[in-house]
Amino acid sequence: MRYLWRDGDWVEASKAAPRNPVHGRGPMLIRDQMAPIRSMADGRMFDSKRGYYRSLKEQGREIVGDDYAWTQQQPTYEPQDVGRDIKRAIEELEGQP
């Protein structure tokens, strides 16, 4: 008899629920379609991943990654003395003819 560890307990394999009940036991598919994007290489619009990748490859370009960590490493802007700057700008504008 075979057992699987599910939800903190050992369950007989034949009675164990699938790990991802949303997808069940069917195959996982990756679609070729995507939201339309404009290629920065040639300005054309693409809604197919394969078409976009093929276009870049034909131009001798490559995709180097999809690392979004850089968005979290940006310095945060913390305004200081904004009120003083606004007051100075208003005074400057009021002094103009």
N, C-alpha and C. Protein backbone atom coordinates (compact mmCIF):
# COMPACT_ATOMS: atom_id res chain seq x y z
N MET A 1 0.84 -1.17 0.00
CA MET A 1 0.00 0.00 0.00
C MET A 1 0.90 1.25 0.00
N ARG A 2 0.48 2.28 -0.71
CA ARG A 2 1.26 3.50 -0.84
C ARG A 2 0.54 4.65 -0.15
N TYR A 3 1.31 5.49 0.56
CA TYR A 3 0.74 6.63 1.28
C TYR A 3 1.39 7.93 0.81
N LEU A 4 0.63 9.00 0.87
CA LEU A 4 1.11 10.34 0.52
C LEU A 4 0.88 11.28 1.69
N TRP A 5 1.76 12.26 1.83
CA TRP A 5 1.63 13.26 2.90
C TRP A 5 0.78 14.41 2.36
N ARG A 6 -0.41 14.58 2.92
CA ARG A 6 -1.31 15.64 2.49
C ARG A 6 -1.88 16.37 3.69
N ASP A 7 -1.77 17.68 3.70
CA ASP A 7 -2.36 18.53 4.75
C ASP A 7 -1.96 18.08 6.14
N GLY A 8 -0.68 17.72 6.31
CA GLY A 8 -0.18 17.38 7.63
C GLY A 8 -0.49 15.97 8.11
N ASP A 9 -0.88 15.08 7.20
CA ASP A 9 -1.21 13.71 7.62
C ASP A 9 -0.93 12.74 6.47
N TRP A 10 -0.69 11.48 6.81
CA TRP A 10 -0.49 10.44 5.80
C TRP A 10 -1.85 9.95 5.32
N VAL A 11 -2.01 9.88 3.99
CA VAL A 11 -3.28 9.46 3.39
C VAL A 11 -2.97 8.37 2.37
N GLU A 12 -3.84 7.37 2.32
CA GLU A 12 -3.67 6.32 1.32
C GLU A 12 -3.72 6.94 -0.07
N ALA A 13 -2.78 6.57 -0.93
CA ALA A 13 -2.63 7.22 -2.23
C ALA A 13 -3.90 7.18 -3.07
N SER A 14 -4.62 6.08 -3.02
CA SER A 14 -5.85 5.96 -3.82
C SER A 14 -6.95 6.90 -3.32
N LYS A 15 -6.86 7.36 -2.07
CA LYS A 15 -7.88 8.24 -1.50
C LYS A 15 -7.42 9.69 -1.38
N ALA A 16 -6.16 9.95 -1.74
CA ALA A 16 -5.61 11.29 -1.60
C ALA A 16 -6.17 12.24 -2.65
N ALA A 17 -6.52 13.43 -2.21
CA ALA A 17 -7.00 14.47 -3.14
C ALA A 17 -5.81 14.99 -3.95
N PRO A 18 -6.06 15.44 -5.16
CA PRO A 18 -4.95 16.00 -5.94
C PRO A 18 -4.35 17.21 -5.23
N ARG A 19 -3.09 17.47 -5.48
CA ARG A 19 -2.42 18.60 -4.83
C ARG A 19 -3.07 19.92 -5.20
N ASN A 20 -3.45 20.07 -6.43
CA ASN A 20 -4.08 21.31 -6.88
C ASN A 20 -5.46 20.98 -7.40
N PRO A 21 -6.48 21.01 -6.55
CA PRO A 21 -7.82 20.60 -6.98
C PRO A 21 -8.41 21.47 -8.07
N VAL A 22 -7.91 22.68 -8.24
CA VAL A 22 -8.44 23.55 -9.30
C VAL A 22 -8.12 22.95 -10.67
N HIS A 23 -6.91 22.42 -10.81
CA HIS A 23 -6.49 21.86 -12.09
C HIS A 23 -6.75 20.37 -12.19
N GLY A 24 -7.01 19.72 -11.08
CA GLY A 24 -7.27 18.29 -11.11
C GLY A 24 -6.08 17.51 -11.63
N ARG A 25 -6.35 16.50 -12.40
CA ARG A 25 -5.28 15.66 -12.91
C ARG A 25 -5.00 15.90 -14.39
N GLY A 26 -5.59 16.91 -14.97
CA GLY A 26 -5.39 17.20 -16.38
C GLY A 26 -4.05 17.86 -16.65
N PRO A 27 -3.67 17.93 -17.90
CA PRO A 27 -2.38 18.55 -18.24
C PRO A 27 -2.45 20.07 -18.03
N MET A 28 -1.31 20.66 -17.77
CA MET A 28 -1.24 22.10 -17.62
C MET A 28 -0.82 22.68 -18.96
N LEU A 29 -1.56 23.64 -19.44
CA LEU A 29 -1.29 24.25 -20.74
C LEU A 29 -0.75 25.65 -20.56
N ILE A 30 0.21 26.02 -21.39
CA ILE A 30 0.73 27.38 -21.40
C ILE A 30 0.30 27.99 -22.72
N ARG A 31 -0.48 29.04 -22.62
CA ARG A 31 -1.02 29.66 -23.83
C ARG A 31 0.03 30.49 -24.56
N ASP A 32 -0.13 30.59 -25.86
CA ASP A 32 0.76 31.41 -26.68
C ASP A 32 0.30 32.85 -26.68
N GLN A 33 -0.99 33.08 -26.45
CA GLN A 33 -1.52 34.44 -26.50
C GLN A 33 -1.13 35.22 -25.26
N MET A 34 -0.99 36.53 -25.44
CA MET A 34 -0.68 37.43 -24.35
C MET A 34 -1.35 38.77 -24.64
N ALA A 35 -1.39 39.63 -23.68
CA ALA A 35 -1.91 40.97 -23.91
C ALA A 35 -1.01 41.65 -24.94
N PRO A 36 -1.59 42.38 -25.89
CA PRO A 36 -0.77 43.00 -26.94
C PRO A 36 0.31 43.91 -26.35
N ILE A 37 1.51 43.79 -26.93
CA ILE A 37 2.62 44.66 -26.55
C ILE A 37 3.27 45.20 -27.81
N ARG A 38 3.92 46.32 -27.68
CA ARG A 38 4.68 46.90 -28.80
C ARG A 38 6.14 46.53 -28.59
N SER A 39 6.75 45.97 -29.62
CA SER A 39 8.15 45.59 -29.53
C SER A 39 9.03 46.83 -29.51
N MET A 40 9.94 46.90 -28.57
CA MET A 40 10.84 48.04 -28.50
C MET A 40 11.92 47.93 -29.57
N ALA A 41 12.06 46.74 -30.17
CA ALA A 41 13.07 46.53 -31.19
C ALA A 41 12.65 47.10 -32.54
N ASP A 42 11.38 46.90 -32.93
CA ASP A 42 10.96 47.36 -34.26
C ASP A 42 9.62 48.10 -34.26
N GLY A 43 8.99 48.26 -33.12
CA GLY A 43 7.75 49.03 -33.03
C GLY A 43 6.49 48.27 -33.42
N ARG A 44 6.61 47.00 -33.83
CA ARG A 44 5.43 46.22 -34.22
C ARG A 44 4.68 45.75 -32.99
N MET A 45 3.37 45.50 -33.17
CA MET A 45 2.52 45.00 -32.09
C MET A 45 2.47 43.47 -32.16
N PHE A 46 2.51 42.83 -30.99
CA PHE A 46 2.45 41.38 -30.91
C PHE A 46 1.45 40.96 -29.85
N ASP A 47 0.66 39.92 -30.15
CA ASP A 47 -0.20 39.31 -29.13
C ASP A 47 0.10 37.81 -29.03
N SER A 48 1.20 37.40 -29.65
CA SER A 48 1.65 36.01 -29.62
C SER A 48 3.08 35.98 -29.06
N LYS A 49 3.30 35.18 -28.02
CA LYS A 49 4.64 35.09 -27.44
C LYS A 49 5.63 34.56 -28.48
N ARG A 50 5.21 33.51 -29.17
CA ARG A 50 6.11 32.89 -30.14
C ARG A 50 6.47 33.86 -31.26
N GLY A 51 5.48 34.61 -31.74
CA GLY A 51 5.76 35.59 -32.79
C GLY A 51 6.72 36.67 -32.32
N TYR A 52 6.54 37.12 -31.10
CA TYR A 52 7.41 38.14 -30.52
C TYR A 52 8.83 37.62 -30.38
N TYR A 53 8.98 36.41 -29.81
CA TYR A 53 10.31 35.82 -29.64
C TYR A 53 10.99 35.59 -30.98
N ARG A 54 10.22 35.11 -31.96
CA ARG A 54 10.77 34.86 -33.30
C ARG A 54 11.27 36.16 -33.92
N SER A 55 10.48 37.22 -33.79
CA SER A 55 10.86 38.52 -34.34
C SER A 55 12.18 39.00 -33.74
N LEU A 56 12.32 38.87 -32.43
CA LEU A 56 13.57 39.31 -31.79
C LEU A 56 14.75 38.47 -32.24
N LYS A 57 14.54 37.16 -32.36
CA LYS A 57 15.62 36.28 -32.78
C LYS A 57 16.09 36.60 -34.20
N GLU A 58 15.14 36.91 -35.09
CA GLU A 58 15.48 37.26 -36.48
C GLU A 58 16.32 38.53 -36.54
N GLN A 59 16.14 39.41 -35.58
CA GLN A 59 16.90 40.66 -35.54
C GLN A 59 18.22 40.52 -34.79
N GLY A 60 18.49 39.31 -34.29
CA GLY A 60 19.72 39.07 -33.56
C GLY A 60 19.65 39.56 -32.12
N ARG A 61 18.46 39.74 -31.61
CA ARG A 61 18.29 40.18 -30.23
C ARG A 61 17.83 39.01 -29.38
N GLU A 62 17.90 39.16 -28.07
CA GLU A 62 17.43 38.10 -27.19
C GLU A 62 16.81 38.71 -25.94
N ILE A 63 15.94 37.93 -25.33
CA ILE A 63 15.32 38.33 -24.07
C ILE A 63 16.23 37.80 -22.97
N VAL A 64 16.64 38.67 -22.07
CA VAL A 64 17.61 38.27 -21.06
C VAL A 64 16.96 37.94 -19.73
N GLY A 65 15.67 38.09 -19.59
CA GLY A 65 15.04 37.70 -18.34
C GLY A 65 13.81 38.52 -18.03
N ASP A 66 13.12 38.10 -17.01
CA ASP A 66 11.92 38.81 -16.57
C ASP A 66 12.03 39.12 -15.08
N ASP A 67 13.21 39.58 -14.70
CA ASP A 67 13.49 39.86 -13.29
C ASP A 67 12.90 41.21 -12.92
N TYR A 68 11.91 41.19 -12.04
CA TYR A 68 11.27 42.42 -11.61
C TYR A 68 11.80 42.90 -10.26
N ALA A 69 12.88 42.26 -9.78
CA ALA A 69 13.43 42.65 -8.48
C ALA A 69 13.90 44.09 -8.48
N TRP A 70 14.30 44.60 -9.63
CA TRP A 70 14.79 45.98 -9.69
C TRP A 70 13.71 46.98 -9.28
N THR A 71 12.43 46.62 -9.43
CA THR A 71 11.37 47.55 -9.05
C THR A 71 11.29 47.71 -7.54
N GLN A 72 11.77 46.72 -6.81
CA GLN A 72 11.73 46.79 -5.36
C GLN A 72 13.01 47.39 -4.79
N GLN A 73 14.03 47.56 -5.61
CA GLN A 73 15.29 48.08 -5.14
C GLN A 73 15.43 49.58 -5.38
N GLN A 74 14.41 50.19 -5.95
CA GLN A 74 14.47 51.61 -6.23
C GLN A 74 14.40 52.40 -4.93
N PRO A 75 15.15 53.49 -4.84
CA PRO A 75 15.07 54.30 -3.63
C PRO A 75 13.69 54.95 -3.52
N THR A 76 13.21 55.06 -2.32
CA THR A 76 11.91 55.69 -2.12
C THR A 76 12.08 57.19 -1.99
N TYR A 77 11.14 57.92 -2.51
CA TYR A 77 11.17 59.37 -2.46
C TYR A 77 10.38 59.83 -1.24
N GLU A 78 11.04 60.52 -0.39
CA GLU A 78 10.39 61.06 0.80
C GLU A 78 10.47 62.57 0.74
N PRO A 79 9.37 63.23 0.38
CA PRO A 79 9.41 64.69 0.26
C PRO A 79 9.70 65.36 1.59
N GLN A 80 10.53 66.40 1.52
CA GLN A 80 10.87 67.16 2.71
C GLN A 80 10.72 68.64 2.38
N ASP A 81 10.16 69.37 3.31
CA ASP A 81 9.98 70.82 3.16
C ASP A 81 9.17 71.19 1.92
N VAL A 82 8.18 70.37 1.59
CA VAL A 82 7.36 70.65 0.42
C VAL A 82 6.56 71.94 0.62
N GLY A 83 6.04 72.12 1.81
CA GLY A 83 5.27 73.33 2.09
C GLY A 83 6.08 74.58 1.84
N ARG A 84 7.35 74.57 2.26
CA ARG A 84 8.22 75.73 2.04
C ARG A 84 8.41 75.99 0.55
N ASP A 85 8.60 74.93 -0.24
CA ASP A 85 8.80 75.08 -1.68
C ASP A 85 7.54 75.62 -2.35
N ILE A 86 6.38 75.14 -1.94
CA ILE A 86 5.12 75.62 -2.53
C ILE A 86 4.92 77.09 -2.20
N LYS A 87 5.17 77.46 -0.97
CA LYS A 87 5.02 78.85 -0.55
C LYS A 87 5.97 79.75 -1.36
N ARG A 88 7.22 79.33 -1.57
CA ARG A 88 8.18 80.11 -2.34
C ARG A 88 7.72 80.24 -3.79
N ALA A 89 7.17 79.15 -4.37
CA ALA A 89 6.71 79.21 -5.76
C ALA A 89 5.54 80.18 -5.90
N ILE A 90 4.61 80.16 -4.94
CA ILE A 90 3.47 81.08 -4.98
C ILE A 90 3.95 82.52 -4.88
N GLU A 91 4.90 82.77 -3.99
CA GLU A 91 5.44 84.14 -3.84
C GLU A 91 6.10 84.61 -5.12
N GLU A 92 6.83 83.69 -5.78
CA GLU A 92 7.48 84.05 -7.04
C GLU A 92 6.45 84.37 -8.11
N LEU A 93 5.38 83.58 -8.19
CA LEU A 93 4.34 83.82 -9.20
C LEU A 93 3.57 85.10 -8.91
N GLU A 94 3.32 85.41 -7.65
CA GLU A 94 2.60 86.63 -7.32
C GLU A 94 3.42 87.85 -7.59
N GLY A 95 4.72 87.75 -7.58
CA GLY A 95 5.59 88.89 -7.84
C GLY A 95 5.75 89.18 -9.32
N GLN A 96 5.27 88.28 -10.20
CA GLN A 96 5.40 88.49 -11.64
C GLN A 96 4.24 89.33 -12.16
N PRO A 97 4.51 90.16 -13.18
CA PRO A 97 3.43 90.99 -13.77
C PRO A 97 2.42 90.18 -14.56
